[in-house]
PDB file of N, CA and C in Angstrom:
ATOM      1  N   MET A   1       0.822  -1.193   0.000  1.00  0.00           N
ATOM      2  CA  MET A   1       0.000   0.000   0.000  1.00  0.00           C
ATOM      3  C   MET A   1       0.866   1.257   0.000  1.00  0.00           C
ATOM      4  N   ASP A   2       1.886   1.255   0.859  1.00  0.00           N
ATOM      5  CA  ASP A   2       2.781   2.416   0.910  1.00  0.00           C
ATOM      6  C   ASP A   2       3.514   2.600  -0.410  1.00  0.00           C
ATOM      7  N   GLU A   3       3.824   1.504  -1.062  1.00  0.00           N
ATOM      8  CA  GLU A   3       4.532   1.585  -2.341  1.00  0.00           C
ATOM      9  C   GLU A   3       3.634   2.198  -3.412  1.00  0.00           C
ATOM     10  N   GLN A   4       2.370   1.875  -3.391  1.00  0.00           N
ATOM     11  CA  GLN A   4       1.422   2.458  -4.348  1.00  0.00           C
ATOM     12  C   GLN A   4       1.277   3.959  -4.117  1.00  0.00           C
ATOM     13  N   ILE A   5       1.237   4.356  -2.875  1.00  0.00           N
ATOM     14  CA  ILE A   5       1.119   5.789  -2.552  1.00  0.00           C
ATOM     15  C   ILE A   5       2.355   6.525  -3.049  1.00  0.00           C
ATOM     16  N   LEU A   6       3.542   5.929  -2.844  1.00  0.00           N
ATOM     17  CA  LEU A   6       4.773   6.556  -3.313  1.00  0.00           C
ATOM     18  C   LEU A   6       4.797   6.643  -4.834  1.00  0.00           C
ATOM     19  N   ARG A   7       4.271   5.622  -5.520  1.00  0.00           N
ATOM     20  CA  ARG A   7       4.229   5.645  -6.985  1.00  0.00           C
ATOM     21  C   ARG A   7       3.317   6.759  -7.496  1.00  0.00           C
ATOM     22  N   ILE A   8       2.365   7.158  -6.715  1.00  0.00           N
ATOM     23  CA  ILE A   8       1.457   8.243  -7.108  1.00  0.00           C
ATOM     24  C   ILE A   8       2.012   9.590  -6.653  1.00  0.00           C
ATOM     25  N   ILE A   9       2.559   9.653  -5.451  1.00  0.00           N
ATOM     26  CA  ILE A   9       3.015  10.928  -4.876  1.00  0.00           C
ATOM     27  C   ILE A   9       4.229  11.479  -5.612  1.00  0.00           C
ATOM     28  N   ILE A  10       5.188  10.632  -5.941  1.00  0.00           N
ATOM     29  CA  ILE A  10       6.427  11.115  -6.569  1.00  0.00           C
ATOM     30  C   ILE A  10       6.145  11.739  -7.941  1.00  0.00           C
ATOM     31  N   PRO A  11       5.442  11.087  -8.866  1.00  0.00           N
ATOM     32  CA  PRO A  11       5.139  11.759 -10.144  1.00  0.00           C
ATOM     33  C   PRO A  11       4.234  12.976  -9.958  1.00  0.00           C
ATOM     34  N   ALA A  12       3.311  12.893  -8.996  1.00  0.00           N
ATOM     35  CA  ALA A  12       2.427  14.036  -8.756  1.00  0.00           C
ATOM     36  C   ALA A  12       3.235  15.233  -8.270  1.00  0.00           C
ATOM     37  N   ALA A  13       4.218  14.983  -7.406  1.00  0.00           N
ATOM     38  CA  ALA A  13       5.061  16.076  -6.920  1.00  0.00           C
ATOM     39  C   ALA A  13       5.860  16.680  -8.067  1.00  0.00           C
ATOM     40  N   GLY A  14       6.378  15.840  -8.964  1.00  0.00           N
ATOM     41  CA  GLY A  14       7.097  16.345 -10.133  1.00  0.00           C
ATOM     42  C   GLY A  14       6.195  17.151 -11.046  1.00  0.00           C
ATOM     43  N   LEU A  15       4.982  16.662 -11.249  1.00  0.00           N
ATOM     44  CA  LEU A  15       4.029  17.375 -12.091  1.00  0.00           C
ATOM     45  C   LEU A  15       3.663  18.720 -11.490  1.00  0.00           C
ATOM     46  N   ILE A  16       3.400  18.727 -10.197  1.00  0.00           N
ATOM     47  CA  ILE A  16       3.034  19.978  -9.519  1.00  0.00           C
ATOM     48  C   ILE A  16       4.175  20.979  -9.577  1.00  0.00           C
ATOM     49  N   SER A  17       5.408  20.521  -9.314  1.00  0.00           N
ATOM     50  CA  SER A  17       6.542  21.457  -9.359  1.00  0.00           C
ATOM     51  C   SER A  17       6.751  21.974 -10.780  1.00  0.00           C
ATOM     52  N   GLY A  18       6.537  21.121 -11.781  1.00  0.00           N
ATOM     53  CA  GLY A  18       6.641  21.580 -13.167  1.00  0.00           C
ATOM     54  C   GLY A  18       5.592  22.615 -13.509  1.00  0.00           C
ATOM     55  N   LEU A  19       4.366  22.381 -13.050  1.00  0.00           N
ATOM     56  CA  LEU A  19       3.297  23.349 -13.306  1.00  0.00           C
ATOM     57  C   LEU A  19       3.560  24.680 -12.604  1.00  0.00           C
ATOM     58  N   ILE A  20       4.066  24.593 -11.373  1.00  0.00           N
ATOM     59  CA  ILE A  20       4.392  25.821 -10.640  1.00  0.00           C
ATOM     60  C   ILE A  20       5.510  26.570 -11.355  1.00  0.00           C
ATOM     61  N   GLY A  21       6.525  25.837 -11.816  1.00  0.00           N
ATOM     62  CA  GLY A  21       7.616  26.474 -12.554  1.00  0.00           C
ATOM     63  C   GLY A  21       7.135  27.147 -13.828  1.00  0.00           C
ATOM     64  N   ALA A  22       6.241  26.486 -14.558  1.00  0.00           N
ATOM     65  CA  ALA A  22       5.696  27.079 -15.778  1.00  0.00           C
ATOM     66  C   ALA A  22       4.881  28.327 -15.461  1.00  0.00           C
ATOM     67  N   TYR A  23       4.096  28.267 -14.398  1.00  0.00           N
ATOM     68  CA  TYR A  23       3.289  29.423 -13.989  1.00  0.00           C
ATOM     69  C   TYR A  23       4.177  30.602 -13.607  1.00  0.00           C
ATOM     70  N   VAL A  24       5.205  30.332 -12.823  1.00  0.00           N
ATOM     71  CA  VAL A  24       6.122  31.406 -12.407  1.00  0.00           C
ATOM     72  C   VAL A  24       6.841  31.982 -13.623  1.00  0.00           C
ATOM     73  N   GLY A  25       7.234  31.115 -14.549  1.00  0.00           N
ATOM     74  CA  GLY A  25       7.882  31.604 -15.767  1.00  0.00           C
ATOM     75  C   GLY A  25       6.976  32.516 -16.568  1.00  0.00           C
ATOM     76  N   LEU A  26       5.713  32.132 -16.702  1.00  0.00           N
ATOM     77  CA  LEU A  26       4.763  32.974 -17.429  1.00  0.00           C
ATOM     78  C   LEU A  26       4.521  34.301 -16.714  1.00  0.00           C
ATOM     79  N   GLN A  27       4.450  34.242 -15.392  1.00  0.00           N
ATOM     80  CA  GLN A  27       4.272  35.479 -14.625  1.00  0.00           C
ATOM     81  C   GLN A  27       5.469  36.401 -14.802  1.00  0.00           C
ATOM     82  N   ASN A  28       6.669  35.829 -14.796  1.00  0.00           N
ATOM     83  CA  ASN A  28       7.876  36.636 -14.996  1.00  0.00           C
ATOM     84  C   ASN A  28       7.873  37.285 -16.371  1.00  0.00           C
ATOM     85  N   ARG A  29       7.472  36.526 -17.387  1.00  0.00           N
ATOM     86  CA  ARG A  29       7.404  37.100 -18.732  1.00  0.00           C
ATOM     87  C   ARG A  29       6.380  38.221 -18.798  1.00  0.00           C
ATOM     88  N   ALA A  30       5.246  38.015 -18.167  1.00  0.00           N
ATOM     89  CA  ALA A  30       4.205  39.053 -18.176  1.00  0.00           C
ATOM     90  C   ALA A  30       4.689  40.308 -17.457  1.00  0.00           C
ATOM     91  N   LEU A  31       5.336  40.123 -16.319  1.00  0.00           N
ATOM     92  CA  LEU A  31       5.856  41.280 -15.583  1.00  0.00           C
ATOM     93  C   LEU A  31       6.943  41.984 -16.374  1.00  0.00           C
ATOM     94  N   LEU A  32       7.808  41.217 -17.006  1.00  0.00           N
ATOM     95  CA  LEU A  32       8.870  41.810 -17.808  1.00  0.00           C
ATOM     96  C   LEU A  32       8.292  42.596 -18.979  1.00  0.00           C
ATOM     97  N   ALA A  33       7.278  42.051 -19.617  1.00  0.00           N
ATOM     98  CA  ALA A  33       6.634  42.766 -20.720  1.00  0.00           C
ATOM     99  C   ALA A  33       5.989  44.053 -20.225  1.00  0.00           C
ATOM    100  N   GLU A  34       5.362  43.999 -19.067  1.00  0.00           N
ATOM    101  CA  GLU A  34       4.735  45.198 -18.502  1.00  0.00           C
ATOM    102  C   GLU A  34       5.778  46.256 -18.156  1.00  0.00           C
ATOM    103  N   VAL A  35       6.885  45.825 -17.575  1.00  0.00           N
ATOM    104  CA  VAL A  35       7.955  46.776 -17.235  1.00  0.00           C
ATOM    105  C   VAL A  35       8.537  47.391 -18.493  1.00  0.00           C
ATOM    106  N   ARG A  36       8.742  46.572 -19.523  1.00  0.00           N
ATOM    107  CA  ARG A  36       9.270  47.105 -20.783  1.00  0.00           C
ATOM    108  C   ARG A  36       8.303  48.120 -21.390  1.00  0.00           C
ATOM    109  N   LYS A  37       7.017  47.836 -21.317  1.00  0.00           N
ATOM    110  CA  LYS A  37       6.021  48.763 -21.851  1.00  0.00           C
ATOM    111  C   LYS A  37       6.047  50.086 -21.081  1.00  0.00           C
ATOM    112  N   GLU A  38       6.114  49.994 -19.763  1.00  0.00           N
ATOM    113  CA  GLU A  38       6.157  51.214 -18.951  1.00  0.00           C
ATOM    114  C   GLU A  38       7.430  52.007 -19.219  1.00  0.00           C
ATOM    115  N   LEU A  39       8.556  51.310 -19.382  1.00  0.00           N
ATOM    116  CA  LEU A  39       9.804  52.004 -19.699  1.00  0.00           C
ATOM    117  C   LEU A  39       9.729  52.699 -21.050  1.00  0.00           C
ATOM    118  N   ALA A  40       9.126  52.047 -22.024  1.00  0.00           N
ATOM    119  CA  ALA A  40       8.970  52.658 -23.343  1.00  0.00           C
ATOM    120  C   ALA A  40       8.086  53.905 -23.266  1.00  0.00           C
ATOM    121  N   GLU A  41       7.007  53.828 -22.502  1.00  0.00           N
ATOM    122  CA  GLU A  41       6.128  54.992 -22.345  1.00  0.00           C
ATOM    123  C   GLU A  41       6.856  56.130 -21.644  1.00  0.00           C
ATOM    124  N   LEU A  42       7.624  55.800 -20.613  1.00  0.00           N
ATOM    125  CA  LEU A  42       8.384  56.824 -19.902  1.00  0.00           C
ATOM    126  C   LEU A  42       9.428  57.445 -20.814  1.00  0.00           C
ATOM    127  N   GLU A  43      10.094  56.617 -21.608  1.00  0.00           N
ATOM    128  CA  GLU A  43      11.085  57.125 -22.549  1.00  0.00           C
ATOM    129  C   GLU A  43      10.439  58.070 -23.555  1.00  0.00           C
ATOM    130  N   ASN A  44       9.269  57.697 -24.049  1.00  0.00           N
ATOM    131  CA  ASN A  44       8.564  58.565 -24.999  1.00  0.00           C
ATOM    132  C   ASN A  44       8.184  59.896 -24.358  1.00  0.00           C
ATOM    133  N   ARG A  45       7.711  59.845 -23.101  1.00  0.00           N
ATOM    134  CA  ARG A  45       7.350  61.099 -22.417  1.00  0.00           C
ATOM    135  C   ARG A  45       8.576  61.980 -22.209  1.00  0.00           C
ATOM    136  N   ILE A  46       9.702  61.375 -21.844  1.00  0.00           N
ATOM    137  CA  ILE A  46      10.932  62.150 -21.641  1.00  0.00           C
ATOM    138  C   ILE A  46      11.383  62.781 -22.951  1.00  0.00           C
ATOM    139  N   ILE A  47      11.351  61.994 -24.025  1.00  0.00           N
ATOM    140  CA  ILE A  47      11.775  62.520 -25.331  1.00  0.00           C
ATOM    141  C   ILE A  47      10.855  63.646 -25.779  1.00  0.00           C
ATOM    142  N   LEU A  48       9.552  63.475 -25.585  1.00  0.00           N
ATOM    143  CA  LEU A  48       8.616  64.542 -25.964  1.00  0.00           C
ATOM    144  C   LEU A  48       8.866  65.805 -25.156  1.00  0.00           C
ATOM    145  N   ARG A  49       9.156  65.632 -23.874  1.00  0.00           N
ATOM    146  CA  ARG A  49       9.418  66.801 -23.035  1.00  0.00           C
ATOM    147  C   ARG A  49      10.700  67.507 -23.478  1.00  0.00           C
ATOM    148  N   ILE A  50      11.745  66.730 -23.765  1.00  0.00           N
ATOM    149  CA  ILE A  50      13.002  67.326 -24.226  1.00  0.00           C
ATOM    150  C   ILE A  50      12.798  68.026 -25.561  1.00  0.00           C
ATOM    151  N   ASN A  51      12.124  67.354 -26.487  1.00  0.00           N
ATOM    152  CA  ASN A  51      11.870  67.971 -27.791  1.00  0.00           C
ATOM    153  C   ASN A  51      11.023  69.222 -27.644  1.00  0.00           C
ATOM    154  N   GLY A  52      10.037  69.180 -26.760  1.00  0.00           N
ATOM    155  CA  GLY A  52       9.210  70.353 -26.529  1.00  0.00           C
ATOM    156  C   GLY A  52      10.025  71.516 -25.992  1.00  0.00           C
ATOM    157  N   THR A  53      10.983  71.214 -25.113  1.00  0.00           N
ATOM    158  CA  THR A  53      11.842  72.267 -24.563  1.00  0.00           C
ATOM    159  C   THR A  53      12.688  72.887 -25.654  1.00  0.00           C
ATOM    160  N   TYR A  54      13.292  72.046 -26.493  1.00  0.00           N
ATOM    161  CA  TYR A  54      14.126  72.582 -27.559  1.00  0.00           C
ATOM    162  C   TYR A  54      13.309  73.355 -28.578  1.00  0.00           C
ATOM    163  N   VAL A  55      12.119  72.870 -28.882  1.00  0.00           N
ATOM    164  CA  VAL A  55      11.263  73.584 -29.824  1.00  0.00           C
ATOM    165  C   VAL A  55      10.873  74.932 -29.239  1.00  0.00           C
ATOM    166  N   ARG A  56      10.529  74.966 -27.986  1.00  0.00           N
ATOM    167  CA  ARG A  56      10.151  76.232 -27.353  1.00  0.00           C
ATOM    168  C   ARG A  56      11.325  77.198 -27.324  1.00  0.00           C
ATOM    169  N   THR A  57      12.528  76.695 -27.060  1.00  0.00           N
ATOM    170  CA  THR A  57      13.710  77.555 -27.052  1.00  0.00           C
ATOM    171  C   THR A  57      13.933  78.152 -28.430  1.00  0.00           C
ATOM    172  N   THR A  58      13.826  77.316 -29.449  1.00  0.00           N
ATOM    173  CA  THR A  58      14.006  77.794 -30.814  1.00  0.00           C
ATOM    174  C   THR A  58      12.919  78.792 -31.176  1.00  0.00           C
ATOM    175  N   GLU A  59      11.698  78.512 -30.779  1.00  0.00           N
ATOM    176  CA  GLU A  59      10.601  79.447 -31.061  1.00  0.00           C
ATOM    177  C   GLU A  59      10.858  80.780 -30.376  1.00  0.00           C
ATOM    178  N   CYS A  60      11.332  80.763 -29.147  1.00  0.00           N
ATOM    179  CA  CYS A  60      11.625  82.006 -28.430  1.00  0.00           C
ATOM    180  C   CYS A  60      12.721  82.798 -29.134  1.00  0.00           C
ATOM    181  N   LYS A  61      13.742  82.125 -29.593  1.00  0.00           N
ATOM    182  CA  LYS A  61      14.830  82.813 -30.310  1.00  0.00           C
ATOM    183  C   LYS A  61      14.307  83.451 -31.588  1.00  0.00           C
ATOM    184  N   LEU A  62      13.479  82.711 -32.330  1.00  0.00           N
ATOM    185  CA  LEU A  62      12.910  83.274 -33.552  1.00  0.00           C
ATOM    186  C   LEU A  62      12.007  84.463 -33.253  1.00  0.00           C
ATOM    187  N   ARG A  63      11.212  84.342 -32.191  1.00  0.00           N
ATOM    188  CA  ARG A  63      10.326  85.435 -31.804  1.00  0.00           C
ATOM    189  C   ARG A  63      11.146  86.677 -31.422  1.00  0.00           C
ATOM    190  N   ASP A  64      12.228  86.471 -30.667  1.00  0.00           N
ATOM    191  CA  ASP A  64      13.087  87.599 -30.287  1.00  0.00           C
ATOM    192  C   ASP A  64      13.705  88.257 -31.521  1.00  0.00           C
ATOM    193  N   GLU A  65      14.197  87.445 -32.454  1.00  0.00           N
ATOM    194  CA  GLU A  65      14.777  88.001 -33.682  1.00  0.00           C
ATOM    195  C   GLU A  65      13.729  88.788 -34.460  1.00  0.00           C
ATOM    196  N   ASN A  66      12.519  88.257 -34.531  1.00  0.00           N
ATOM    197  CA  ASN A  66      11.440  88.933 -35.248  1.00  0.00           C
ATOM    198  C   ASN A  66      11.107  90.271 -34.587  1.00  0.00           C
ATOM    199  N   ILE A  67      11.045  90.291 -33.268  1.00  0.00           N
ATOM    200  CA  ILE A  67      10.750  91.535 -32.543  1.00  0.00           C
ATOM    201  C   ILE A  67      11.849  92.558 -32.776  1.00  0.00           C
ATOM    202  N   HIS A  68      13.108  92.118 -32.715  1.00  0.00           N
ATOM    203  CA  HIS A  68      14.224  93.048 -32.957  1.00  0.00           C
ATOM    204  C   HIS A  68      14.159  93.597 -34.378  1.00  0.00           C
ATOM    205  N   ASN A  69      13.832  92.745 -35.332  1.00  0.00           N
ATOM    206  CA  ASN A  69      13.711  93.227 -36.714  1.00  0.00           C
ATOM    207  C   ASN A  69      12.576  94.241 -36.836  1.00  0.00           C
ATOM    208  N   ARG A  70      11.447  93.994 -36.200  1.00  0.00           N
ATOM    209  CA  ARG A  70      10.324  94.942 -36.255  1.00  0.00           C
ATOM    210  C   ARG A  70      10.705  96.272 -35.607  1.00  0.00           C
ATOM    211  N   ILE A  71      11.403  96.210 -34.481  1.00  0.00           N
ATOM    212  CA  ILE A  71      11.830  97.442 -33.808  1.00  0.00           C
ATOM    213  C   ILE A  71      12.791  98.215 -34.693  1.00  0.00           C
ATOM    214  N   ASP A  72      13.728  97.499 -35.348  1.00  0.00           N
ATOM    215  CA  ASP A  72      14.667  98.174 -36.258  1.00  0.00           C
ATOM    216  C   ASP A  72      13.928  98.836 -37.417  1.00  0.00           C
ATOM    217  N   VAL A  73      12.922  98.141 -37.967  1.00  0.00           N
ATOM    218  CA  VAL A  73      12.145  98.709 -39.072  1.00  0.00           C
ATOM    219  C   VAL A  73      11.380  99.940 -38.593  1.00  0.00           C
ATOM    220  N   LEU A  74      10.746  99.870 -37.424  1.00  0.00           N
ATOM    221  CA  LEU A  74      10.023 101.023 -36.880  1.00  0.00           C
ATOM    222  C   LEU A  74      10.962 102.184 -36.599  1.00  0.00           C
ATOM    223  N   ALA A  75      12.131 101.896 -36.045  1.00  0.00           N
ATOM    224  CA  ALA A  75      13.103 102.964 -35.771  1.00  0.00           C
ATOM    225  C   ALA A  75      13.555 103.620 -37.067  1.00  0.00           C
ATOM    226  N   ALA A  76      13.777 102.818 -38.109  1.00  0.00           N
ATOM    227  CA  ALA A  76      14.186 103.379 -39.404  1.00  0.00           C
ATOM    228  C   ALA A  76      13.065 104.238 -39.990  1.00  0.00           C
ATOM    229  N   GLU A  77      11.841 103.791 -39.854  1.00  0.00           N
ATOM    230  CA  GLU A  77      10.706 104.575 -40.355  1.00  0.00           C
ATOM    231  C   GLU A  77      10.596 105.896 -39.606  1.00  0.00           C
ATOM    232  N   ILE A  78      10.782 105.867 -38.278  1.00  0.00           N
ATOM    233  CA  ILE A  78      10.713 107.111 -37.488  1.00  0.00           C
ATOM    234  C   ILE A  78      11.828 108.052 -37.882  1.00  0.00           C
ATOM    235  N   ARG A  79      13.038 107.520 -38.079  1.00  0.00           N
ATOM    236  CA  ARG A  79      14.171 108.350 -38.495  1.00  0.00           C
ATOM    237  C   ARG A  79      13.884 108.988 -39.855  1.00  0.00           C
ATOM    238  N   ASN A  80      13.349 108.170 -40.783  1.00  0.00           N
ATOM    239  CA  ASN A  80      13.052 108.708 -42.122  1.00  0.00           C
ATOM    240  C   ASN A  80      11.925 109.751 -42.041  1.00  0.00           C
ATOM    241  N   HIS A  81      10.954 109.493 -41.177  1.00  0.00           N
ATOM    242  CA  HIS A  81       9.848 110.442 -41.026  1.00  0.00           C
ATOM    243  C   HIS A  81      10.343 111.755 -40.411  1.00  0.00           C
ATOM    244  N   ASN A  82      11.240 111.668 -39.422  1.00  0.00           N
ATOM    245  CA  ASN A  82      11.779 112.873 -38.785  1.00  0.00           C
ATOM    246  C   ASN A  82      12.765 113.596 -39.685  1.00  0.00           C
ATOM    247  N   ALA A  83      13.435 112.864 -40.571  1.00  0.00           N
ATOM    248  CA  ALA A  83      14.423 113.486 -41.459  1.00  0.00           C
ATOM    249  C   ALA A  83      13.744 114.290 -42.564  1.00  0.00           C
ATOM    250  N   THR A  84      12.572 113.862 -42.992  1.00  0.00           N
ATOM    251  CA  THR A  84      11.876 114.590 -44.038  1.00  0.00           C
ATOM    252  C   THR A  84      11.032 115.681 -43.403  1.00  0.00           C
ATOM    253  N   PRO A  85      11.168 116.935 -43.942  1.00  0.00           N
ATOM    254  CA  PRO A  85      10.393 118.039 -43.350  1.00  0.00           C
ATOM    255  C   PRO A  85       8.946 118.025 -43.716  1.00  0.00           C
TER     256      PRO A  85
END
């Protein structure tokens, strides 16, 4: 009787440990995929923020140049207007 129980328990223990190992492996893969997805999203947000900063800096420089050009044009117009009687 004890021998029959051992013949059932030993393969059952191997089967159970194999199933647990497969389950843990699948869970690890799922967690790894989730972490990779979150890292990719974070990377995209960081890149967008950096690109947005550089775009804003460039836009500010262009805006400043445009304002200086407008002021120079207005100053030249005032000088020409004051020079003519």
